[in-house]
Amino acid sequence: MAEVRGDERNGAVENKYSILLPTYNEHDNLAIIVWLIVNYMDKSDYEYEIIIIDDGSPDGTLEVGKQLEKIYGSEKIVLRPREKKLGLGTAYIHGIKHATGNSILIMDADLSHHPKFIPEFIKKQKSGNFDVVSGTRYIGSGGVFGWDFKRKLISRGANFLTQLLLRPGASDLTGSFRLYKKDVLQKLIETCVSKGYVFQMEMIVRARQQGYTIGEVPITFVDRVYGESKLGGSEILQFARGLLYLFATT
């Protein structure tokens, strides 16, 4: 009888990476980002799946996903759509339920995060058995392209405040390009209460609070090419409120 590995008993395959792509109105970006992921993951020879969680996009994003499923196959492209926009945290929960890998990678589908960094995330995770590997724009070769001075100033200011008040043990709290051990991601989501822009920040703060190890990989963040940016005044206000909440509770 073949030996069954521990991770397989829990419904996860050892050394397989489940890449979660929450989408909303990413019709023009989805095919490109999926092609790039497939290109870099196939070259790296890692076992993987791409789980697309579309929140009822009115622009036909899901139809693009269905075409990608035909091209790459249902084992590689896993479609798990929802009827409407329900938030990033719940999108991750929904994706995790269908993930068969023991590691979960989360990234944006709008081409802000280049899949060329994924093998570096995996290498970093393996090098120190890290629970979380987070992409950072603020150390080493990391950086941002496509933002004007005002937005860069807001980003730097927000990051400075979070470092000063929360001391998170990571240089970039608001990024959403990360690799988690599956069980760690599940536990962190259960403890997080924030939504929207603040959710990613709370995930790192709770990881530090719960004693999980965090590694970092410098990345270049590129402002979206197609579609509209989702950052506005309401997100900035939400960030300020979230920062004060985390300062008071952690």
C-alpha atoms as a PDB file:
ATOM      1  CA  MET A   1       0.000   0.000   0.000  1.00  0.00           C
ATOM      2  CA  ALA A   2       1.358   3.422  -0.904  1.00  0.00           C
ATOM      3  CA  GLU A   3       2.338   5.652   1.983  1.00  0.00           C
ATOM      4  CA  VAL A   4       0.007   8.600   2.543  1.00  0.00           C
ATOM      5  CA  ARG A   5       1.760  11.812   3.570  1.00  0.00           C
ATOM      6  CA  GLY A   6       0.434  13.861   6.449  1.00  0.00           C
ATOM      7  CA  ASP A   7      -0.570  16.822   4.334  1.00  0.00           C
ATOM      8  CA  GLU A   8      -2.535  14.566   1.990  1.00  0.00           C
ATOM      9  CA  ARG A   9      -4.621  13.230   4.883  1.00  0.00           C
ATOM     10  CA  ASN A  10      -5.706  16.805   5.574  1.00  0.00           C
ATOM     11  CA  GLY A  11      -6.817  17.316   1.993  1.00  0.00           C
ATOM     12  CA  ALA A  12      -3.659  19.158   0.923  1.00  0.00           C
ATOM     13  CA  VAL A  13      -0.883  17.896  -1.324  1.00  0.00           C
ATOM     14  CA  GLU A  14       2.653  18.406  -0.019  1.00  0.00           C
ATOM     15  CA  ASN A  15       4.778  20.867  -2.003  1.00  0.00           C
ATOM     16  CA  LYS A  16       1.844  22.029  -4.107  1.00  0.00           C
ATOM     17  CA  TYR A  17       1.078  25.729  -4.421  1.00  0.00           C
ATOM     18  CA  SER A  18      -2.474  27.037  -4.671  1.00  0.00           C
ATOM     19  CA  ILE A  19      -2.467  30.527  -6.188  1.00  0.00           C
ATOM     20  CA  LEU A  20      -5.561  32.546  -5.273  1.00  0.00           C
ATOM     21  CA  LEU A  21      -6.681  35.244  -7.710  1.00  0.00           C
ATOM     22  CA  PRO A  22      -9.653  37.255  -6.395  1.00  0.00           C
ATOM     23  CA  THR A  23     -11.056  39.229  -9.320  1.00  0.00           C
ATOM     24  CA  TYR A  24     -13.520  42.028  -9.931  1.00  0.00           C
ATOM     25  CA  ASN A  25     -13.659  43.669 -13.354  1.00  0.00           C
ATOM     26  CA  GLU A  26     -10.335  42.212 -14.547  1.00  0.00           C
ATOM     27  CA  HIS A  27     -11.483  41.248 -18.067  1.00  0.00           C
ATOM     28  CA  ASP A  28      -8.459  42.884 -19.709  1.00  0.00           C
ATOM     29  CA  ASN A  29      -5.890  41.593 -17.212  1.00  0.00           C
ATOM     30  CA  LEU A  30      -6.874  38.027 -16.331  1.00  0.00           C
ATOM     31  CA  ALA A  31      -5.591  36.220 -19.430  1.00  0.00           C
ATOM     32  CA  ILE A  32      -2.228  38.026 -19.218  1.00  0.00           C
ATOM     33  CA  ILE A  33      -1.637  37.366 -15.516  1.00  0.00           C
ATOM     34  CA  VAL A  34      -2.611  33.695 -15.879  1.00  0.00           C
ATOM     35  CA  TRP A  35      -0.273  33.261 -18.868  1.00  0.00           C
ATOM     36  CA  LEU A  36       2.573  34.788 -16.875  1.00  0.00           C
ATOM     37  CA  ILE A  37       1.889  32.577 -13.834  1.00  0.00           C
ATOM     38  CA  VAL A  38       1.788  29.441 -15.975  1.00  0.00           C
ATOM     39  CA  ASN A  39       4.988  30.474 -17.763  1.00  0.00           C
ATOM     40  CA  TYR A  40       7.026  31.013 -14.591  1.00  0.00           C
ATOM     41  CA  MET A  41       5.566  28.106 -12.622  1.00  0.00           C
ATOM     42  CA  ASP A  42       6.086  25.617 -15.457  1.00  0.00           C
ATOM     43  CA  LYS A  43       9.703  26.736 -15.795  1.00  0.00           C
ATOM     44  CA  SER A  44      10.182  26.294 -12.049  1.00  0.00           C
ATOM     45  CA  ASP A  45       8.739  22.770 -12.173  1.00  0.00           C
ATOM     46  CA  TYR A  46       6.540  23.291  -9.089  1.00  0.00           C
ATOM     47  CA  GLU A  47       3.133  21.642  -8.791  1.00  0.00           C
ATOM     48  CA  TYR A  48       0.438  24.311  -8.689  1.00  0.00           C
ATOM     49  CA  GLU A  49      -3.133  25.372  -9.375  1.00  0.00           C
ATOM     50  CA  ILE A  50      -4.664  28.793 -10.030  1.00  0.00           C
ATOM     51  CA  ILE A  51      -7.945  29.395  -8.225  1.00  0.00           C
ATOM     52  CA  ILE A  52      -9.949  32.284  -9.688  1.00  0.00           C
ATOM     53  CA  ILE A  53     -12.541  33.757  -7.329  1.00  0.00           C
ATOM     54  CA  ASP A  54     -14.612  36.215  -9.334  1.00  0.00           C
ATOM     55  CA  ASP A  55     -17.122  38.329  -7.435  1.00  0.00           C
ATOM     56  CA  GLY A  56     -19.827  38.743 -10.060  1.00  0.00           C
ATOM     57  CA  SER A  57     -17.828  41.046 -12.356  1.00  0.00           C
ATOM     58  CA  PRO A  58     -20.159  42.769 -14.844  1.00  0.00           C
ATOM     59  CA  ASP A  59     -17.357  43.136 -17.433  1.00  0.00           C
ATOM     60  CA  GLY A  60     -17.160  39.441 -18.393  1.00  0.00           C
ATOM     61  CA  THR A  61     -14.163  38.445 -16.270  1.00  0.00           C
ATOM     62  CA  LEU A  62     -15.721  35.058 -15.537  1.00  0.00           C
ATOM     63  CA  GLU A  63     -16.146  34.335 -19.255  1.00  0.00           C
ATOM     64  CA  VAL A  64     -12.426  34.951 -19.727  1.00  0.00           C
ATOM     65  CA  GLY A  65     -11.819  32.518 -16.870  1.00  0.00           C
ATOM     66  CA  LYS A  66     -13.905  29.853 -18.593  1.00  0.00           C
ATOM     67  CA  GLN A  67     -11.850  30.228 -21.762  1.00  0.00           C
ATOM     68  CA  LEU A  68      -8.640  29.911 -19.747  1.00  0.00           C
ATOM     69  CA  GLU A  69      -9.994  26.738 -18.151  1.00  0.00           C
ATOM     70  CA  LYS A  70     -10.457  25.264 -21.659  1.00  0.00           C
ATOM     71  CA  ILE A  71      -6.943  26.271 -22.680  1.00  0.00           C
ATOM     72  CA  TYR A  72      -4.994  25.135 -19.611  1.00  0.00           C
ATOM     73  CA  GLY A  73      -7.326  22.481 -18.198  1.00  0.00           C
ATOM     74  CA  SER A  74      -9.529  22.281 -15.111  1.00  0.00           C
ATOM     75  CA  GLU A  75      -6.737  20.835 -12.943  1.00  0.00           C
ATOM     76  CA  LYS A  76      -4.633  23.953 -13.457  1.00  0.00           C
ATOM     77  CA  ILE A  77      -7.390  26.581 -13.670  1.00  0.00           C
ATOM     78  CA  VAL A  78     -10.000  26.235 -10.926  1.00  0.00           C
ATOM     79  CA  LEU A  79     -13.018  28.556 -11.217  1.00  0.00           C
ATOM     80  CA  ARG A  80     -14.845  29.281  -7.950  1.00  0.00           C
ATOM     81  CA  PRO A  81     -17.003  32.366  -8.674  1.00  0.00           C
ATOM     82  CA  ARG A  82     -19.397  34.127  -6.294  1.00  0.00           C
ATOM     83  CA  GLU A  83     -22.562  36.021  -7.131  1.00  0.00           C
ATOM     84  CA  LYS A  84     -21.461  39.436  -5.871  1.00  0.00           C
ATOM     85  CA  LYS A  85     -18.620  41.415  -4.322  1.00  0.00           C
ATOM     86  CA  LEU A  86     -18.232  40.125  -0.772  1.00  0.00           C
ATOM     87  CA  GLY A  87     -14.788  41.326   0.280  1.00  0.00           C
ATOM     88  CA  LEU A  88     -11.194  40.156   0.097  1.00  0.00           C
ATOM     89  CA  GLY A  89     -11.123  38.184   3.339  1.00  0.00           C
ATOM     90  CA  THR A  90     -14.121  36.079   2.423  1.00  0.00           C
ATOM     91  CA  ALA A  91     -12.669  35.571  -1.075  1.00  0.00           C
ATOM     92  CA  TYR A  92      -9.593  33.999   0.515  1.00  0.00           C
ATOM     93  CA  ILE A  93     -11.752  31.808   2.761  1.00  0.00           C
ATOM     94  CA  HIS A  94     -13.734  30.696  -0.287  1.00  0.00           C
ATOM     95  CA  GLY A  95     -10.543  29.944  -2.208  1.00  0.00           C
ATOM     96  CA  ILE A  96      -8.911  28.033   0.652  1.00  0.00           C
ATOM     97  CA  LYS A  97     -11.899  25.681   0.827  1.00  0.00           C
ATOM     98  CA  HIS A  98     -11.117  24.532  -2.704  1.00  0.00           C
ATOM     99  CA  ALA A  99      -7.304  24.647  -2.478  1.00  0.00           C
ATOM    100  CA  THR A 100      -5.492  21.303  -2.712  1.00  0.00           C
ATOM    101  CA  GLY A 101      -1.985  22.685  -2.051  1.00  0.00           C
ATOM    102  CA  ASN A 102      -0.349  22.935   1.355  1.00  0.00           C
ATOM    103  CA  SER A 103       0.895  26.453   0.559  1.00  0.00           C
ATOM    104  CA  ILE A 104      -1.280  29.361  -0.535  1.00  0.00           C
ATOM    105  CA  LEU A 105      -0.022  32.274  -2.608  1.00  0.00           C
ATOM    106  CA  ILE A 106      -2.145  35.402  -2.842  1.00  0.00           C
ATOM    107  CA  MET A 107      -1.605  38.138  -5.413  1.00  0.00           C
ATOM    108  CA  ASP A 108      -3.495  40.793  -7.340  1.00  0.00           C
ATOM    109  CA  ALA A 109      -4.883  39.964 -10.756  1.00  0.00           C
ATOM    110  CA  ASP A 110      -4.391  43.474 -12.173  1.00  0.00           C
ATOM    111  CA  LEU A 111      -0.723  42.971 -13.194  1.00  0.00           C
ATOM    112  CA  SER A 112       0.542  44.981 -10.206  1.00  0.00           C
ATOM    113  CA  HIS A 113       2.374  41.858  -9.001  1.00  0.00           C
ATOM    114  CA  HIS A 114       4.684  40.135 -11.474  1.00  0.00           C
ATOM    115  CA  PRO A 115       4.650  36.322 -11.294  1.00  0.00           C
ATOM    116  CA  LYS A 116       8.427  36.269 -11.875  1.00  0.00           C
ATOM    117  CA  PHE A 117       8.774  36.764  -8.117  1.00  0.00           C
ATOM    118  CA  ILE A 118       6.799  33.622  -7.207  1.00  0.00           C
ATOM    119  CA  PRO A 119       9.803  31.251  -7.437  1.00  0.00           C
ATOM    120  CA  GLU A 120      11.692  33.672  -5.161  1.00  0.00           C
ATOM    121  CA  PHE A 121       8.872  33.488  -2.600  1.00  0.00           C
ATOM    122  CA  ILE A 122       9.039  29.686  -2.666  1.00  0.00           C
ATOM    123  CA  LYS A 123      12.834  29.693  -2.349  1.00  0.00           C
ATOM    124  CA  LYS A 124      12.610  32.068   0.611  1.00  0.00           C
ATOM    125  CA  GLN A 125       9.960  29.957   2.321  1.00  0.00           C
ATOM    126  CA  LYS A 126      12.047  26.820   1.937  1.00  0.00           C
ATOM    127  CA  SER A 127      15.244  28.519   3.131  1.00  0.00           C
ATOM    128  CA  GLY A 128      13.879  29.244   6.594  1.00  0.00           C
ATOM    129  CA  ASN A 129      10.653  27.230   6.767  1.00  0.00           C
ATOM    130  CA  PHE A 130       8.816  30.550   7.092  1.00  0.00           C
ATOM    131  CA  ASP A 131       5.112  30.560   7.948  1.00  0.00           C
ATOM    132  CA  VAL A 132       4.580  33.708   5.879  1.00  0.00           C
ATOM    133  CA  VAL A 133       6.629  35.208   3.044  1.00  0.00           C
ATOM    134  CA  SER A 134       5.639  38.758   2.182  1.00  0.00           C
ATOM    135  CA  GLY A 135       6.590  40.839  -0.831  1.00  0.00           C
ATOM    136  CA  THR A 136       8.053  44.208   0.133  1.00  0.00           C
ATOM    137  CA  ARG A 137       8.420  47.446  -1.787  1.00  0.00           C
ATOM    138  CA  TYR A 138      10.556  49.053   0.883  1.00  0.00           C
ATOM    139  CA  ILE A 139      13.802  47.073   1.216  1.00  0.00           C
ATOM    140  CA  GLY A 140      16.598  45.990  -1.128  1.00  0.00           C
ATOM    141  CA  SER A 141      15.631  46.128  -4.784  1.00  0.00           C
ATOM    142  CA  GLY A 142      11.933  46.629  -4.007  1.00  0.00           C
ATOM    143  CA  GLY A 143      10.098  49.624  -5.389  1.00  0.00           C
ATOM    144  CA  VAL A 144       7.021  51.125  -7.026  1.00  0.00           C
ATOM    145  CA  PHE A 145       6.506  52.139 -10.654  1.00  0.00           C
ATOM    146  CA  GLY A 146       3.645  54.158 -12.145  1.00  0.00           C
ATOM    147  CA  TRP A 147       2.695  56.193  -9.070  1.00  0.00           C
ATOM    148  CA  ASP A 148       2.920  59.974  -8.948  1.00  0.00           C
ATOM    149  CA  PHE A 149       4.767  61.756  -6.139  1.00  0.00           C
ATOM    150  CA  LYS A 150       1.589  62.306  -4.095  1.00  0.00           C
ATOM    151  CA  ARG A 151       0.663  58.634  -4.023  1.00  0.00           C
ATOM    152  CA  LYS A 152       4.239  57.585  -3.207  1.00  0.00           C
ATOM    153  CA  LEU A 153       4.248  60.104  -0.362  1.00  0.00           C
ATOM    154  CA  ILE A 154       0.953  58.752   1.002  1.00  0.00           C
ATOM    155  CA  SER A 155       2.261  55.183   0.789  1.00  0.00           C
ATOM    156  CA  ARG A 156       5.552  56.020   2.511  1.00  0.00           C
ATOM    157  CA  GLY A 157       3.757  58.021   5.188  1.00  0.00           C
ATOM    158  CA  ALA A 158       1.285  55.237   5.873  1.00  0.00           C
ATOM    159  CA  ASN A 159       4.070  52.678   6.103  1.00  0.00           C
ATOM    160  CA  PHE A 160       6.083  54.909   8.469  1.00  0.00           C
ATOM    161  CA  LEU A 161       3.075  55.274  10.785  1.00  0.00           C
ATOM    162  CA  THR A 162       2.402  51.550  10.840  1.00  0.00           C
ATOM    163  CA  GLN A 163       6.038  50.812  11.667  1.00  0.00           C
ATOM    164  CA  LEU A 164       6.054  53.419  14.422  1.00  0.00           C
ATOM    165  CA  LEU A 165       2.792  52.378  16.062  1.00  0.00           C
ATOM    166  CA  LEU A 166       2.581  48.634  15.438  1.00  0.00           C
ATOM    167  CA  ARG A 167       6.218  47.417  15.176  1.00  0.00           C
ATOM    168  CA  PRO A 168       5.084  44.501  13.007  1.00  0.00           C
ATOM    169  CA  GLY A 169       8.427  42.852  12.263  1.00  0.00           C
ATOM    170  CA  ALA A 170       7.892  43.340   8.512  1.00  0.00           C
ATOM    171  CA  SER A 171       8.723  46.286   6.274  1.00  0.00           C
ATOM    172  CA  ASP A 172       5.583  46.331   4.093  1.00  0.00           C
ATOM    173  CA  LEU A 173       2.218  45.827   5.786  1.00  0.00           C
ATOM    174  CA  THR A 174      -0.224  46.892   3.084  1.00  0.00           C
ATOM    175  CA  GLY A 175       1.033  44.740   0.231  1.00  0.00           C
ATOM    176  CA  SER A 176      -1.059  41.810  -0.951  1.00  0.00           C
ATOM    177  CA  PHE A 177       1.593  39.632  -2.600  1.00  0.00           C
ATOM    178  CA  ARG A 178       2.264  36.865  -0.067  1.00  0.00           C
ATOM    179  CA  LEU A 179       2.893  33.155   0.404  1.00  0.00           C
ATOM    180  CA  TYR A 180       1.388  31.390   3.421  1.00  0.00           C
ATOM    181  CA  LYS A 181       1.410  27.891   4.786  1.00  0.00           C
ATOM    182  CA  LYS A 182      -2.199  26.834   4.322  1.00  0.00           C
ATOM    183  CA  ASP A 183      -2.942  26.123   7.983  1.00  0.00           C
ATOM    184  CA  VAL A 184      -1.342  29.421   9.032  1.00  0.00           C
ATOM    185  CA  LEU A 185      -3.467  31.410   6.573  1.00  0.00           C
ATOM    186  CA  GLN A 186      -6.610  29.697   7.839  1.00  0.00           C
ATOM    187  CA  LYS A 187      -5.805  30.552  11.460  1.00  0.00           C
ATOM    188  CA  LEU A 188      -4.911  34.163  10.664  1.00  0.00           C
ATOM    189  CA  ILE A 189      -8.104  34.780   8.722  1.00  0.00           C
ATOM    190  CA  GLU A 190     -10.121  33.439  11.660  1.00  0.00           C
ATOM    191  CA  THR A 191      -8.583  36.077  13.949  1.00  0.00           C
ATOM    192  CA  CYS A 192      -8.825  39.055  11.576  1.00  0.00           C
ATOM    193  CA  VAL A 193     -11.807  41.393  11.707  1.00  0.00           C
ATOM    194  CA  SER A 194     -10.723  44.118   9.273  1.00  0.00           C
ATOM    195  CA  LYS A 195     -12.002  44.478   5.734  1.00  0.00           C
ATOM    196  CA  GLY A 196     -10.777  46.031   2.515  1.00  0.00           C
ATOM    197  CA  TYR A 197      -7.477  47.895   2.477  1.00  0.00           C
ATOM    198  CA  VAL A 198      -6.730  47.241   6.179  1.00  0.00           C
ATOM    199  CA  PHE A 199      -7.156  43.468   5.945  1.00  0.00           C
ATOM    200  CA  GLN A 200      -3.627  42.811   4.637  1.00  0.00           C
ATOM    201  CA  MET A 201      -2.138  44.981   7.354  1.00  0.00           C
ATOM    202  CA  GLU A 202      -3.951  43.125  10.104  1.00  0.00           C
ATOM    203  CA  MET A 203      -2.844  39.762   8.695  1.00  0.00           C
ATOM    204  CA  ILE A 204       0.827  40.617   9.210  1.00  0.00           C
ATOM    205  CA  VAL A 205       0.245  42.172  12.630  1.00  0.00           C
ATOM    206  CA  ARG A 206      -1.671  39.111  13.828  1.00  0.00           C
ATOM    207  CA  ALA A 207       1.034  36.830  12.402  1.00  0.00           C
ATOM    208  CA  ARG A 208       3.633  38.610  14.512  1.00  0.00           C
ATOM    209  CA  GLN A 209       1.315  38.601  17.532  1.00  0.00           C
ATOM    210  CA  GLN A 210       0.767  34.842  17.248  1.00  0.00           C
ATOM    211  CA  GLY A 211       4.466  34.073  16.886  1.00  0.00           C
ATOM    212  CA  TYR A 212       4.537  33.050  13.230  1.00  0.00           C
ATOM    213  CA  THR A 213       7.777  33.526  11.323  1.00  0.00           C
ATOM    214  CA  ILE A 214       7.813  36.106   8.522  1.00  0.00           C
ATOM    215  CA  GLY A 215      10.264  36.249   5.620  1.00  0.00           C
ATOM    216  CA  GLU A 216      10.423  39.012   3.026  1.00  0.00           C
ATOM    217  CA  VAL A 217      11.214  39.182  -0.693  1.00  0.00           C
ATOM    218  CA  PRO A 218      11.844  42.548  -2.420  1.00  0.00           C
ATOM    219  CA  ILE A 219       9.350  43.104  -5.241  1.00  0.00           C
ATOM    220  CA  THR A 220       8.582  45.807  -7.762  1.00  0.00           C
ATOM    221  CA  PHE A 221       4.967  46.968  -7.678  1.00  0.00           C
ATOM    222  CA  VAL A 222       3.620  48.325 -10.967  1.00  0.00           C
ATOM    223  CA  ASP A 223       0.443  50.414 -11.040  1.00  0.00           C
ATOM    224  CA  ARG A 224      -2.319  48.717 -12.990  1.00  0.00           C
ATOM    225  CA  VAL A 225      -2.184  49.093 -16.775  1.00  0.00           C
ATOM    226  CA  TYR A 226      -5.837  48.322 -17.570  1.00  0.00           C
ATOM    227  CA  GLY A 227      -8.847  49.373 -15.514  1.00  0.00           C
ATOM    228  CA  GLU A 228      -9.169  51.818 -12.652  1.00  0.00           C
ATOM    229  CA  SER A 229      -7.242  51.843  -9.387  1.00  0.00           C
ATOM    230  CA  LYS A 230      -9.366  50.892  -6.401  1.00  0.00           C
ATOM    231  CA  LEU A 231      -7.546  53.229  -3.964  1.00  0.00           C
ATOM    232  CA  GLY A 232      -9.447  56.401  -3.077  1.00  0.00           C
ATOM    233  CA  GLY A 233     -10.354  58.701  -0.213  1.00  0.00           C
ATOM    234  CA  SER A 234     -12.578  56.136   1.476  1.00  0.00           C
ATOM    235  CA  GLU A 235      -9.720  53.593   1.494  1.00  0.00           C
ATOM    236  CA  ILE A 236      -7.373  56.132   3.107  1.00  0.00           C
ATOM    237  CA  LEU A 237      -9.939  56.858   5.823  1.00  0.00           C
ATOM    238  CA  GLN A 238     -10.462  53.131   6.312  1.00  0.00           C
ATOM    239  CA  PHE A 239      -6.690  52.715   6.698  1.00  0.00           C
ATOM    240  CA  ALA A 240      -6.516  55.406   9.393  1.00  0.00           C
ATOM    241  CA  ARG A 241      -9.343  53.824  11.363  1.00  0.00           C
ATOM    242  CA  GLY A 242      -7.815  50.377  10.996  1.00  0.00           C
ATOM    243  CA  LEU A 243      -4.413  51.593  12.150  1.00  0.00           C
ATOM    244  CA  LEU A 244      -5.899  53.073  15.317  1.00  0.00           C
ATOM    245  CA  TYR A 245      -7.869  49.862  15.950  1.00  0.00           C
ATOM    246  CA  LEU A 246      -4.776  47.670  15.604  1.00  0.00           C
ATOM    247  CA  PHE A 247      -2.731  50.037  17.777  1.00  0.00           C
ATOM    248  CA  ALA A 248      -5.353  49.745  20.507  1.00  0.00           C
ATOM    249  CA  THR A 249      -5.802  45.960  20.292  1.00  0.00           C
ATOM    250  CA  THR A 250      -2.318  44.553  19.607  1.00  0.00           C
END
